[in-house]
Amino acid sequence: MPRVRAPEFPTNYPWLNTDKPLSIESLKGRVVILDFWTYCCINCLHVLPDLKYLEQKYPDSLTVIGVHSAKFDNEKEVENIRQAILRYDIEHPVIVDSEMTIWQNYAVRAWPTLMVIDPESYVIGYVSGEGNRAALDELVGNLIAEYKEKNAINFEALSFSLEKQRKPLSTPLAFPGKVLAFAITATEAKQLHQHEALLGEMTENSESVDEIIEPGPANSVIQSLVGSCLFIADSGHNRIVVSTIEGEVLHVIGTGKPGLTDGNFEEAEFFAPQGMAFDAESQILYVADTENHALRTIDFTTGQVQTIAGNGEQSHEIVPQSGKALEIKLNSPWDLERVGHRLFIAMAGSHQIWEMNLDTGIIGTYAGNGRESCVDGNLTESAFSQPSGLATDRLELFVADSEISSIRAIGIDENPQVRTVCGSGDLFGFGDRDGRADEVRLQHCLGVEYAQNYLWIADTYNHKIKRIDHRSGICRTMVGDGTPGHVDGQGMSVRLFEPSGLSAIGPHLFIADTNNHAIRLVELNTLEVKTLDFPGLCAPDVCVPDRAFGNT
């Protein structure tokens, strides 16, 4: 078979993570891996740790170049790609291939595809999909050894001007993925204390929180949660922030370093946490620790973080399965919804909805056959495409099915069925169109919330919040003009930047406005939008959280 020379990069294309364009010719003498990716794709994200591993193992002889060939229109914008590079801590050069010219020149057919180029600038092979670290490691190692013998390899560590070095991110929040609003009454707190025997005698008729809950260090964690709270997945900072709905910070949970470490609030570690669910009775917050492929609990009665499902390793199985939660591997859990003793999980990596029985600790597939598609009907035959948001009206579970830009519904009572509420149900059927049912076009929706008898949708790549009647499928834009930005105001005069998470409490809707590193508040009665401030909160590497935040 004749050898194929690697096509040269087009000139005048935008580059990121480097201060000058690169060329195939300039990389002669090195092994090169081209990573064809698009930042919406969960499989592409799963490849990034493999690439980082190879880059660190062969720093003086391997160069990785990301070729960002966008699927969605929103992903063609250079600034949006820059934000994705910062969010996922990508440290190799990236060329922006928005017209898919490089994709076509290399005859690529799927995301992700890794193309391997030898030191003489010939393409010697490629792999598509994820889970190929060992094969790539062997191939790169063999190439380096072969060309070392020929004295034809250039051993020199290259350095690049990274986006994170040019403008370090030091905002109090970093790419918050999800937000959860919850009301905790003084009566619930009192009942909890009685149940846990943390307090002595209480005054049954007291109306004062201070009278109901005795002050003191032993009770400081629970006492701080009385009232309306916000739980914020500060994903880019690998931590959970707890505040009042006015922005007073109560707890900062996690060191800020990526890791899978249990323990108290100050020593625990998370890795890009996303969705959350709260049990007021037990005062336990459940967390989808996405890049750890695990579920964690934060116990506000003890001040401890614990892993309850997953072992930190990604599963590559898609066949329906079940087992003991700590003995089964997970695949990028992205959002959670609790209904009684049942914890539903949007398992984005396996394109499924899972369920964990909180009483027995058994976890397994609830709906979805694991194939990336849109199939309605019974649970076992149904199919989803990177489900990333969950909500419920206690009759159905609603799913933001991001890669098909659709909203799905799943029954959770007798004879459950899957249906599509609105959207095209097609992997490439996206856009920005209000209407009814399959007329509606969304663009990579990541968040969904049930409030005031409607579904509220974070239409992420359209930078909008939309409202859907889940009975008729009628969809209407409520907030956002569709242009990425950070502008408060009312209704469609507002600007958001890739909002990813929603949570409502009473007449208030909270938005995790991801690329603005902010939490926005919508007054649902007027559609007035403002940005919350969090006095005293800062990035982990900027300052040490004050113990007044409630860390124990």
Protein backbone atom coordinates (compact mmCIF):
# COMPACT_ATOMS: atom_id res chain seq x y z
CA MET A 1 0.00 0.00 0.00
CA PRO A 2 1.46 3.39 -0.99
CA ARG A 3 2.27 5.78 1.82
CA VAL A 4 0.09 8.89 2.10
CA ARG A 5 1.73 12.21 2.85
CA ALA A 6 -0.09 14.25 5.48
CA PRO A 7 -1.98 17.15 3.87
CA GLU A 8 -0.66 20.55 4.92
CA PHE A 9 -2.78 22.84 7.09
CA PRO A 10 -4.56 25.68 5.26
CA THR A 11 -3.03 29.09 5.74
CA ASN A 12 -4.79 31.95 7.56
CA TYR A 13 -6.85 29.66 9.81
CA PRO A 14 -7.24 30.75 13.43
CA TRP A 15 -5.00 29.01 15.97
CA LEU A 16 -5.40 28.82 19.74
CA ASN A 17 -2.90 27.80 22.43
CA THR A 18 -0.02 29.02 20.29
CA ASP A 19 1.31 32.44 19.32
CA LYS A 20 2.03 31.40 15.73
CA PRO A 21 0.56 29.00 13.17
CA LEU A 22 2.09 25.56 12.86
CA SER A 23 2.60 23.46 9.74
CA ILE A 24 3.14 19.81 8.97
CA GLU A 25 6.49 20.74 7.43
CA SER A 26 7.67 22.52 10.59
CA LEU A 27 6.86 19.43 12.67
CA LYS A 28 8.99 17.08 10.58
CA GLY A 29 11.14 14.92 12.80
CA ARG A 30 8.38 14.51 15.39
CA VAL A 31 5.47 12.15 15.84
CA VAL A 32 2.23 14.11 15.41
CA ILE A 33 -1.29 13.20 16.53
CA LEU A 34 -4.15 15.19 15.05
CA ASP A 35 -7.21 15.11 17.29
CA PHE A 36 -10.35 15.83 15.26
CA TRP A 37 -12.88 16.95 17.89
CA THR A 38 -15.84 19.18 18.63
CA TYR A 39 -16.36 20.47 22.14
CA CYS A 40 -19.99 19.34 22.58
CA CYS A 41 -19.05 15.69 22.14
CA ILE A 42 -18.71 13.59 25.31
CA ASN A 43 -16.55 11.04 23.45
CA CYS A 44 -14.17 13.84 22.43
CA LEU A 45 -13.92 14.93 26.06
CA HIS A 46 -13.12 11.38 27.12
CA VAL A 47 -10.13 11.36 24.76
CA LEU A 48 -8.51 14.43 26.34
CA PRO A 49 -7.03 12.59 29.36
CA ASP A 50 -5.46 10.05 26.97
CA LEU A 51 -3.88 12.82 24.95
CA LYS A 52 -2.58 14.54 28.09
CA TYR A 53 -1.07 11.23 29.22
CA LEU A 54 0.77 10.81 25.89
CA GLU A 55 1.92 14.43 25.83
CA GLN A 56 3.42 14.07 29.29
CA LYS A 57 5.02 10.72 28.51
CA TYR A 58 6.68 11.86 25.24
CA PRO A 59 7.21 15.63 25.68
CA ASP A 60 10.36 15.80 23.55
CA SER A 61 9.18 13.81 20.53
CA LEU A 62 5.37 13.99 20.27
CA THR A 63 3.18 16.95 19.30
CA VAL A 64 -0.60 16.81 19.65
CA ILE A 65 -2.68 19.24 17.61
CA GLY A 66 -6.40 19.62 18.10
CA VAL A 67 -8.37 20.14 14.90
CA HIS A 68 -11.67 21.61 16.01
CA SER A 69 -14.20 20.67 13.33
CA ALA A 70 -17.51 21.93 14.68
CA LYS A 71 -20.81 20.08 14.71
CA PHE A 72 -23.04 22.90 15.99
CA ASP A 73 -23.09 26.43 14.56
CA ASN A 74 -22.23 27.86 17.98
CA GLU A 75 -19.06 25.77 18.04
CA LYS A 76 -17.68 27.49 14.96
CA GLU A 77 -16.97 30.71 16.85
CA VAL A 78 -13.33 31.15 17.88
CA GLU A 79 -14.17 32.69 21.26
CA ASN A 80 -16.46 29.79 22.14
CA ILE A 81 -13.69 27.32 21.29
CA ARG A 82 -11.29 29.34 23.43
CA GLN A 83 -13.69 29.01 26.35
CA ALA A 84 -13.86 25.25 25.82
CA ILE A 85 -10.05 25.05 25.82
CA LEU A 86 -9.99 26.87 29.16
CA ARG A 87 -12.82 24.80 30.60
CA TYR A 88 -11.20 21.46 29.78
CA ASP A 89 -7.61 22.57 30.44
CA ILE A 90 -6.36 21.71 26.96
CA GLU A 91 -2.63 22.41 26.68
CA HIS A 92 -1.84 21.63 23.05
CA PRO A 93 -2.31 23.87 19.98
CA VAL A 94 -5.74 23.90 18.36
CA ILE A 95 -6.55 24.94 14.79
CA VAL A 96 -10.09 26.12 14.08
CA ASP A 97 -11.50 24.09 11.18
CA SER A 98 -15.01 25.58 11.12
CA GLU A 99 -15.56 24.84 7.43
CA MET A 100 -14.30 21.26 7.95
CA THR A 101 -11.65 21.63 5.25
CA ILE A 102 -8.96 19.77 7.19
CA TRP A 103 -11.56 17.16 8.16
CA GLN A 104 -12.26 16.54 4.48
CA ASN A 105 -8.59 16.60 3.47
CA TYR A 106 -7.91 13.80 5.95
CA ALA A 107 -11.12 11.92 5.02
CA VAL A 108 -12.36 11.94 8.62
CA ARG A 109 -15.84 10.50 9.24
CA ALA A 110 -16.45 10.64 12.99
CA TRP A 111 -15.75 12.53 16.22
CA PRO A 112 -13.31 11.91 17.74
CA THR A 113 -10.73 10.68 15.25
CA LEU A 114 -7.02 10.55 16.09
CA MET A 115 -4.74 10.67 13.06
CA VAL A 116 -1.09 9.58 13.58
CA ILE A 117 1.66 11.15 11.44
CA ASP A 118 5.22 9.80 11.47
CA PRO A 119 8.41 11.94 11.64
CA GLU A 120 8.65 11.91 7.84
CA SER A 121 5.18 13.54 7.61
CA TYR A 122 3.29 10.48 6.39
CA VAL A 123 -0.07 9.38 7.78
CA ILE A 124 0.43 5.88 9.16
CA GLY A 125 -2.96 5.22 10.73
CA TYR A 126 -5.92 6.47 12.69
CA VAL A 127 -8.41 5.42 15.36
CA SER A 128 -11.95 6.67 15.89
CA GLY A 129 -13.83 6.75 19.14
CA GLU A 130 -12.48 6.53 22.67
CA GLY A 131 -10.65 3.96 24.77
CA ASN A 132 -7.54 3.69 22.56
CA ARG A 133 -4.85 4.90 24.98
CA ALA A 134 -2.89 1.63 25.12
CA ALA A 135 -2.85 1.17 21.33
CA LEU A 136 -1.74 4.76 20.76
CA ASP A 137 0.92 4.51 23.44
CA GLU A 138 2.37 1.41 21.82
CA LEU A 139 2.29 2.95 18.33
CA VAL A 140 3.93 6.22 19.40
CA GLY A 141 6.57 4.37 21.40
CA ASN A 142 7.43 2.12 18.46
CA LEU A 143 7.63 5.08 16.06
CA ILE A 144 9.99 6.96 18.35
CA ALA A 145 12.23 3.90 18.72
CA GLU A 146 12.23 3.26 14.95
CA TYR A 147 13.14 6.80 13.98
CA LYS A 148 15.68 7.10 16.77
CA GLU A 149 17.57 4.22 15.18
CA LYS A 150 17.45 6.09 11.87
CA ASN A 151 18.69 9.23 13.60
CA ALA A 152 15.63 10.90 12.05
CA ILE A 153 13.77 12.19 15.07
CA ASN A 154 14.02 15.63 16.59
CA PHE A 155 14.22 15.29 20.38
CA GLU A 156 13.20 18.74 21.58
CA ALA A 157 10.47 19.72 24.01
CA LEU A 158 8.29 22.38 22.42
CA SER A 159 6.52 25.05 24.45
CA PHE A 160 3.44 26.96 23.40
CA SER A 161 1.72 30.15 24.48
CA LEU A 162 -1.42 28.78 26.15
CA GLU A 163 -4.74 30.58 26.43
CA LYS A 164 -4.76 30.07 30.21
CA GLN A 165 -1.35 31.77 30.46
CA ARG A 166 -2.37 34.79 28.45
CA LYS A 167 -5.41 35.54 30.56
CA PRO A 168 -5.50 33.47 33.76
CA LEU A 169 -9.01 32.80 35.03
CA SER A 170 -9.38 34.13 38.60
CA THR A 171 -13.13 34.68 38.87
CA PRO A 172 -14.91 33.53 42.06
CA LEU A 173 -16.76 30.89 40.04
CA ALA A 174 -15.31 29.07 37.03
CA PHE A 175 -17.60 27.50 34.42
CA PRO A 176 -20.38 26.61 36.88
CA GLY A 177 -22.25 23.70 35.31
CA LYS A 178 -25.33 23.24 37.47
CA VAL A 179 -27.16 25.05 40.25
CA LEU A 180 -29.72 23.71 42.72
CA ALA A 181 -32.08 25.93 44.74
CA PHE A 182 -33.70 24.46 47.83
CA ALA A 183 -35.81 25.70 50.73
CA ILE A 184 -35.06 24.26 54.17
CA THR A 185 -37.45 25.28 56.92
CA ALA A 186 -36.61 25.70 60.57
CA THR A 187 -39.12 22.93 61.34
CA GLU A 188 -37.25 20.52 59.06
CA ALA A 189 -34.00 21.45 60.72
CA LYS A 190 -35.57 20.89 64.13
CA GLN A 191 -36.83 17.44 63.10
CA LEU A 192 -33.41 16.58 61.77
CA HIS A 193 -31.74 17.53 65.05
CA GLN A 194 -34.23 15.46 66.98
CA HIS A 195 -33.60 12.51 64.68
CA GLU A 196 -29.83 12.76 65.01
CA ALA A 197 -29.96 13.53 68.74
CA LEU A 198 -27.62 16.45 68.15
CA LEU A 199 -29.65 18.73 70.41
CA GLY A 200 -31.07 18.46 73.84
CA GLU A 201 -34.53 19.56 74.67
CA MET A 202 -36.17 22.02 72.25
CA THR A 203 -39.02 24.41 72.75
CA GLU A 204 -41.89 22.89 70.78
CA ASN A 205 -43.72 26.17 70.17
CA SER A 206 -40.71 28.33 69.39
CA GLU A 207 -40.93 30.40 66.22
CA SER A 208 -37.31 31.51 66.32
CA VAL A 209 -34.62 29.58 64.47
CA ASP A 210 -32.12 30.62 67.14
CA GLU A 211 -34.38 29.15 69.82
CA ILE A 212 -35.02 25.95 67.90
CA ILE A 213 -31.35 25.27 67.12
CA GLU A 214 -28.83 25.68 69.87
CA PRO A 215 -25.77 27.63 68.73
CA GLY A 216 -22.32 26.11 68.80
CA PRO A 217 -19.71 24.42 66.58
CA ALA A 218 -21.45 21.04 66.65
CA ASN A 219 -24.53 22.54 65.04
CA SER A 220 -22.95 25.15 62.76
CA VAL A 221 -23.26 23.09 59.58
CA ILE A 222 -26.99 22.42 59.83
CA GLN A 223 -27.82 25.83 61.26
CA SER A 224 -26.32 27.52 58.21
CA LEU A 225 -28.68 25.61 55.89
CA VAL A 226 -31.93 26.88 57.41
CA GLY A 227 -33.72 29.02 54.83
CA SER A 228 -33.41 29.05 51.05
CA CYS A 229 -30.08 27.77 49.78
CA LEU A 230 -28.18 27.56 46.54
CA PHE A 231 -25.89 24.64 45.82
CA ILE A 232 -23.52 25.58 42.99
CA ALA A 233 -21.40 23.11 41.05
CA ASP A 234 -18.33 25.30 40.61
CA SER A 235 -17.15 22.87 37.95
CA GLY A 236 -14.05 24.71 36.77
CA HIS A 237 -12.85 25.02 40.35
CA ASN A 238 -13.65 21.37 41.19
CA ARG A 239 -15.76 22.26 44.22
CA ILE A 240 -19.27 22.84 45.55
CA VAL A 241 -20.29 26.27 46.82
CA VAL A 242 -23.29 26.67 49.14
CA SER A 243 -24.88 30.08 49.61
CA THR A 244 -28.11 31.81 50.49
CA ILE A 245 -30.23 32.87 47.54
CA GLU A 246 -28.94 36.40 48.15
CA GLY A 247 -25.32 35.27 47.64
CA GLU A 248 -24.02 34.96 51.21
CA VAL A 249 -21.53 32.11 51.10
CA LEU A 250 -22.13 29.42 53.71
CA HIS A 251 -19.79 26.62 52.68
CA VAL A 252 -17.01 25.97 50.19
CA ILE A 253 -16.59 22.22 49.83
CA GLY A 254 -13.47 20.86 48.15
CA THR A 255 -9.85 21.94 47.86
CA GLY A 256 -10.22 23.13 44.29
CA LYS A 257 -7.73 20.53 43.04
CA PRO A 258 -9.09 17.77 40.79
CA GLY A 259 -9.18 14.44 42.58
CA LEU A 260 -11.32 11.74 44.15
CA THR A 261 -10.79 12.19 47.87
CA ASP A 262 -13.37 11.74 50.60
CA GLY A 263 -13.21 13.46 53.97
CA ASN A 264 -14.19 16.76 55.53
CA PHE A 265 -15.12 19.85 53.55
CA GLU A 266 -11.57 21.22 53.55
CA GLU A 267 -9.80 18.05 52.38
CA ALA A 268 -12.33 16.53 49.97
CA GLU A 269 -11.61 16.64 46.24
CA PHE A 270 -13.93 16.60 43.20
CA PHE A 271 -13.28 16.65 39.47
CA ALA A 272 -15.59 18.88 37.41
CA PRO A 273 -18.79 18.18 39.41
CA GLN A 274 -22.11 18.84 37.68
CA GLY A 275 -25.67 17.91 38.72
CA MET A 276 -26.94 17.72 42.30
CA ALA A 277 -29.97 16.53 44.28
CA PHE A 278 -30.77 17.29 47.92
CA ASP A 279 -32.53 15.31 50.63
CA ALA A 280 -33.75 17.78 53.25
CA GLU A 281 -34.69 15.07 55.73
CA SER A 282 -31.22 13.57 55.90
CA GLN A 283 -29.42 16.83 54.99
CA ILE A 284 -27.48 15.00 52.28
CA LEU A 285 -26.51 16.55 48.95
CA TYR A 286 -25.94 14.07 46.13
CA VAL A 287 -23.35 15.15 43.54
CA ALA A 288 -22.63 13.87 40.03
CA ASP A 289 -18.83 14.00 40.10
CA THR A 290 -18.63 13.92 36.34
CA GLU A 291 -14.97 13.54 35.44
CA ASN A 292 -14.43 11.17 38.36
CA HIS A 293 -17.21 8.97 36.93
CA ALA A 294 -18.63 8.78 40.44
CA LEU A 295 -21.50 9.83 42.69
CA ARG A 296 -20.63 11.57 45.93
CA THR A 297 -22.58 12.67 49.01
CA ILE A 298 -22.07 15.75 51.13
CA ASP A 299 -23.50 15.16 54.60
CA PHE A 300 -24.29 18.43 56.34
CA THR A 301 -24.89 16.71 59.68
CA THR A 302 -21.34 15.37 59.85
CA GLY A 303 -19.48 17.70 57.50
CA GLN A 304 -18.18 14.75 55.48
CA VAL A 305 -17.91 13.92 51.77
CA GLN A 306 -18.27 10.28 50.75
CA THR A 307 -18.20 8.32 47.47
CA ILE A 308 -21.34 6.20 47.09
CA ALA A 309 -21.11 4.96 43.50
CA GLY A 310 -18.36 4.41 40.97
CA ASN A 311 -14.65 3.90 41.57
CA GLY A 312 -13.11 6.72 39.54
CA GLU A 313 -12.71 4.63 36.38
CA GLN A 314 -14.79 5.19 33.27
CA SER A 315 -16.99 2.36 32.06
CA HIS A 316 -16.99 1.56 28.35
CA GLU A 317 -20.01 -0.74 28.58
CA ILE A 318 -23.33 0.32 27.07
CA VAL A 319 -25.35 -2.84 27.57
CA PRO A 320 -27.99 -2.46 30.31
CA GLN A 321 -26.51 -3.49 33.65
CA SER A 322 -26.95 -3.21 37.41
CA GLY A 323 -25.04 -3.99 40.57
CA LYS A 324 -23.74 -2.71 43.86
CA ALA A 325 -23.04 0.98 43.46
CA LEU A 326 -19.39 0.91 44.58
CA GLU A 327 -18.60 -2.13 42.44
CA ILE A 328 -19.89 -0.86 39.10
CA LYS A 329 -18.16 1.65 36.82
CA LEU A 330 -20.00 4.78 35.64
CA ASN A 331 -19.60 6.91 32.52
CA SER A 332 -19.76 10.70 32.96
CA PRO A 333 -22.84 11.15 35.20
CA TRP A 334 -24.02 14.67 34.32
CA ASP A 335 -27.19 15.38 36.27
CA LEU A 336 -29.30 13.96 39.11
CA GLU A 337 -32.96 13.98 40.14
CA ARG A 338 -34.23 12.38 43.36
CA VAL A 339 -37.76 10.99 43.67
CA GLY A 340 -38.20 9.42 47.10
CA HIS A 341 -35.60 6.68 47.55
CA ARG A 342 -34.85 6.69 43.81
CA LEU A 343 -31.95 8.71 42.43
CA PHE A 344 -32.10 9.15 38.64
CA ILE A 345 -28.86 9.82 36.79
CA ALA A 346 -28.28 11.33 33.36
CA MET A 347 -25.40 9.08 32.29
CA ALA A 348 -24.17 11.24 29.44
CA GLY A 349 -21.24 9.02 28.48
CA SER A 350 -23.33 5.91 27.83
CA HIS A 351 -26.37 7.80 26.45
CA GLN A 352 -28.62 6.34 29.13
CA ILE A 353 -30.70 7.18 32.18
CA TRP A 354 -29.69 5.22 35.27
CA GLU A 355 -31.36 4.72 38.62
CA MET A 356 -29.89 4.15 42.08
CA ASN A 357 -31.98 2.76 44.93
CA LEU A 358 -30.79 4.80 47.90
CA ASP A 359 -32.10 2.21 50.36
CA THR A 360 -30.31 -0.79 48.88
CA GLY A 361 -27.33 0.82 47.15
CA ILE A 362 -28.12 -0.96 43.87
CA ILE A 363 -27.50 1.06 40.72
CA GLY A 364 -28.21 0.28 37.07
CA THR A 365 -29.68 1.23 33.73
CA TYR A 366 -33.25 2.57 33.84
CA ALA A 367 -33.77 3.59 30.21
CA GLY A 368 -31.76 3.59 27.01
CA ASN A 369 -30.07 0.84 25.01
CA GLY A 370 -26.75 2.74 24.90
CA ARG A 371 -26.85 3.57 21.20
CA GLU A 372 -26.68 7.28 20.42
CA SER A 373 -30.06 7.93 18.83
CA CYS A 374 -33.64 9.02 19.49
CA VAL A 375 -36.03 6.13 20.01
CA ASP A 376 -39.28 6.44 21.94
CA GLY A 377 -41.33 3.61 23.41
CA ASN A 378 -40.51 1.18 26.19
CA LEU A 379 -37.51 1.63 28.46
CA THR A 380 -35.31 -1.13 27.09
CA GLU A 381 -35.74 -0.21 23.42
CA SER A 382 -35.49 3.57 23.93
CA ALA A 383 -32.38 5.52 22.94
CA PHE A 384 -30.89 8.86 24.01
CA SER A 385 -28.04 11.07 22.86
CA GLN A 386 -25.85 12.44 25.64
CA PRO A 387 -28.57 13.25 28.20
CA SER A 388 -27.30 16.15 30.30
CA GLY A 389 -30.19 17.58 32.33
CA LEU A 390 -33.01 16.16 34.45
CA ALA A 391 -36.20 17.47 36.08
CA THR A 392 -39.50 15.95 37.20
CA ASP A 393 -43.14 16.71 37.93
CA ARG A 394 -43.26 13.44 39.93
CA LEU A 395 -45.13 11.73 37.08
CA GLU A 396 -42.44 11.87 34.42
CA LEU A 397 -38.73 12.45 34.30
CA PHE A 398 -37.79 15.17 31.81
CA VAL A 399 -34.48 14.95 29.98
CA ALA A 400 -32.42 17.57 28.16
CA ASP A 401 -31.12 15.27 25.42
CA SER A 402 -28.30 17.49 24.27
CA GLU A 403 -26.82 15.92 21.13
CA ILE A 404 -30.23 15.64 19.45
CA SER A 405 -31.26 19.07 20.79
CA SER A 406 -34.53 17.68 22.12
CA ILE A 407 -36.53 17.37 25.32
CA ARG A 408 -37.59 13.85 26.24
CA ALA A 409 -39.95 12.51 28.92
CA ILE A 410 -39.79 9.16 30.73
CA GLY A 411 -42.54 7.66 32.84
CA ILE A 412 -41.53 6.78 36.41
CA ASP A 413 -44.69 5.02 37.55
CA GLU A 414 -46.42 1.88 36.21
CA ASN A 415 -45.88 0.94 32.56
CA PRO A 416 -43.31 3.68 31.92
CA GLN A 417 -42.79 4.87 28.36
CA VAL A 418 -40.35 7.27 26.69
CA ARG A 419 -41.62 10.11 24.49
CA THR A 420 -40.17 13.17 22.78
CA VAL A 421 -41.73 16.40 24.04
CA CYS A 422 -40.18 18.70 21.43
CA GLY A 423 -37.23 18.99 19.11
CA SER A 424 -36.23 17.19 15.94
CA GLY A 425 -34.87 14.03 17.54
CA ASP A 426 -32.08 14.13 14.96
CA LEU A 427 -28.36 14.44 15.61
CA PHE A 428 -28.11 17.25 13.07
CA GLY A 429 -31.61 18.68 13.47
CA PHE A 430 -30.72 21.76 15.47
CA GLY A 431 -31.42 25.49 15.20
CA ASP A 432 -33.35 28.23 17.00
CA ARG A 433 -37.07 28.03 16.34
CA ASP A 434 -40.04 28.28 18.67
CA GLY A 435 -43.19 26.35 17.84
CA ARG A 436 -44.81 23.04 18.70
CA ALA A 437 -43.36 19.55 19.19
CA ASP A 438 -41.17 18.45 16.25
CA GLU A 439 -41.30 21.94 14.71
CA VAL A 440 -39.14 23.22 17.56
CA ARG A 441 -35.42 23.64 17.06
CA LEU A 442 -33.00 23.86 19.97
CA GLN A 443 -29.20 23.82 19.95
CA HIS A 444 -27.44 21.49 22.40
CA CYS A 445 -29.74 22.07 25.38
CA LEU A 446 -28.08 21.10 28.67
CA GLY A 447 -30.49 22.14 31.41
CA VAL A 448 -34.16 21.58 32.26
CA GLU A 449 -36.31 22.55 35.26
CA TYR A 450 -39.98 22.06 36.13
CA ALA A 451 -41.59 25.19 37.61
CA GLN A 452 -45.01 26.86 37.52
CA ASN A 453 -46.41 23.88 35.57
CA TYR A 454 -43.96 24.39 32.70
CA LEU A 455 -40.56 23.15 31.66
CA TRP A 456 -37.82 25.76 31.56
CA ILE A 457 -34.94 24.94 29.24
CA ALA A 458 -31.35 26.11 29.15
CA ASP A 459 -30.99 26.22 25.36
CA THR A 460 -27.25 26.33 25.81
CA TYR A 461 -25.80 27.00 22.36
CA ASN A 462 -28.59 29.48 21.54
CA HIS A 463 -27.74 31.39 24.75
CA LYS A 464 -31.41 31.45 25.73
CA ILE A 465 -33.90 30.25 28.33
CA LYS A 466 -37.07 28.80 26.81
CA ARG A 467 -40.38 27.66 28.30
CA ILE A 468 -42.13 24.50 27.15
CA ASP A 469 -45.61 23.19 27.81
CA HIS A 470 -44.75 19.54 28.34
CA ARG A 471 -48.33 18.49 27.54
CA SER A 472 -48.62 20.18 24.14
CA GLY A 473 -44.93 20.55 23.25
CA ILE A 474 -45.31 24.31 22.63
CA CYS A 475 -41.97 26.09 23.06
CA ARG A 476 -41.41 29.82 23.59
CA THR A 477 -38.27 31.93 24.12
CA MET A 478 -38.45 33.79 27.44
CA VAL A 479 -34.97 35.12 28.21
CA GLY A 480 -32.01 35.99 25.99
CA ASP A 481 -31.56 37.58 22.58
CA GLY A 482 -29.41 34.73 21.23
CA THR A 483 -26.15 36.68 21.26
CA PRO A 484 -23.48 35.51 23.72
CA GLY A 485 -22.72 38.15 26.32
CA HIS A 486 -23.35 39.29 29.87
CA VAL A 487 -26.20 41.79 30.04
CA ASP A 488 -28.84 41.98 32.75
CA GLY A 489 -32.31 43.34 32.00
CA GLN A 490 -35.67 41.90 31.10
CA GLY A 491 -36.72 39.02 28.88
CA MET A 492 -35.18 39.00 25.45
CA SER A 493 -33.00 42.04 26.09
CA VAL A 494 -30.81 39.84 28.31
CA ARG A 495 -27.58 38.22 27.16
CA LEU A 496 -26.26 34.89 28.44
CA PHE A 497 -23.24 32.82 27.45
CA GLU A 498 -23.86 29.08 27.16
CA PRO A 499 -26.14 28.61 30.19
CA SER A 500 -26.04 24.98 31.35
CA GLY A 501 -28.09 24.55 34.50
CA LEU A 502 -31.43 25.75 35.91
CA SER A 503 -33.18 25.49 39.26
CA ALA A 504 -36.34 27.20 40.52
CA ILE A 505 -37.66 28.00 43.96
CA GLY A 506 -40.96 29.88 44.22
CA PRO A 507 -40.97 32.75 41.69
CA HIS A 508 -37.19 32.63 41.23
CA LEU A 509 -35.27 30.80 38.51
CA PHE A 510 -31.52 30.48 38.95
CA ILE A 511 -29.24 30.00 35.94
CA ALA A 512 -25.74 28.54 35.90
CA ASP A 513 -24.45 30.91 33.21
CA THR A 514 -21.43 28.79 32.45
CA ASN A 515 -19.17 30.84 30.20
CA ASN A 516 -19.93 34.02 32.13
CA HIS A 517 -18.75 32.27 35.33
CA ALA A 518 -21.90 33.55 36.99
CA ILE A 519 -25.21 32.68 38.58
CA ARG A 520 -28.11 34.70 37.17
CA LEU A 521 -31.49 35.18 38.85
CA VAL A 522 -34.74 35.44 36.88
CA GLU A 523 -37.91 36.79 38.49
CA LEU A 524 -40.38 34.56 36.71
CA ASN A 525 -43.29 36.95 37.16
CA THR A 526 -41.52 39.81 35.34
CA LEU A 527 -38.61 38.06 33.57
CA GLU A 528 -36.23 40.55 35.16
CA VAL A 529 -32.71 39.17 35.27
CA LYS A 530 -29.84 40.12 37.57
CA THR A 531 -26.44 38.66 38.38
CA LEU A 532 -25.76 37.40 41.89
CA ASP A 533 -22.69 38.55 43.79
CA PHE A 534 -20.87 36.29 46.25
CA PRO A 535 -18.91 38.58 48.61
CA GLY A 536 -15.77 36.97 49.96
CA LEU A 537 -15.76 34.09 47.48
CA CYS A 538 -12.63 33.73 45.39
CA ALA A 539 -10.81 31.23 43.22
CA PRO A 540 -8.96 28.46 45.08
CA ASP A 541 -5.54 29.67 43.95
CA VAL A 542 -6.31 33.31 44.76
CA CYS A 543 -7.22 33.08 48.43
CA VAL A 544 -7.98 30.57 51.15
CA PRO A 545 -11.71 30.29 51.95
CA ASP A 546 -12.65 31.89 55.26
CA ARG A 547 -13.66 29.45 58.00
CA ALA A 548 -16.75 31.63 58.40
CA PHE A 549 -18.03 29.92 55.25
CA GLY A 550 -18.68 26.91 57.41
CA ASN A 551 -15.85 24.56 56.44
CA THR A 552 -15.31 22.03 59.19
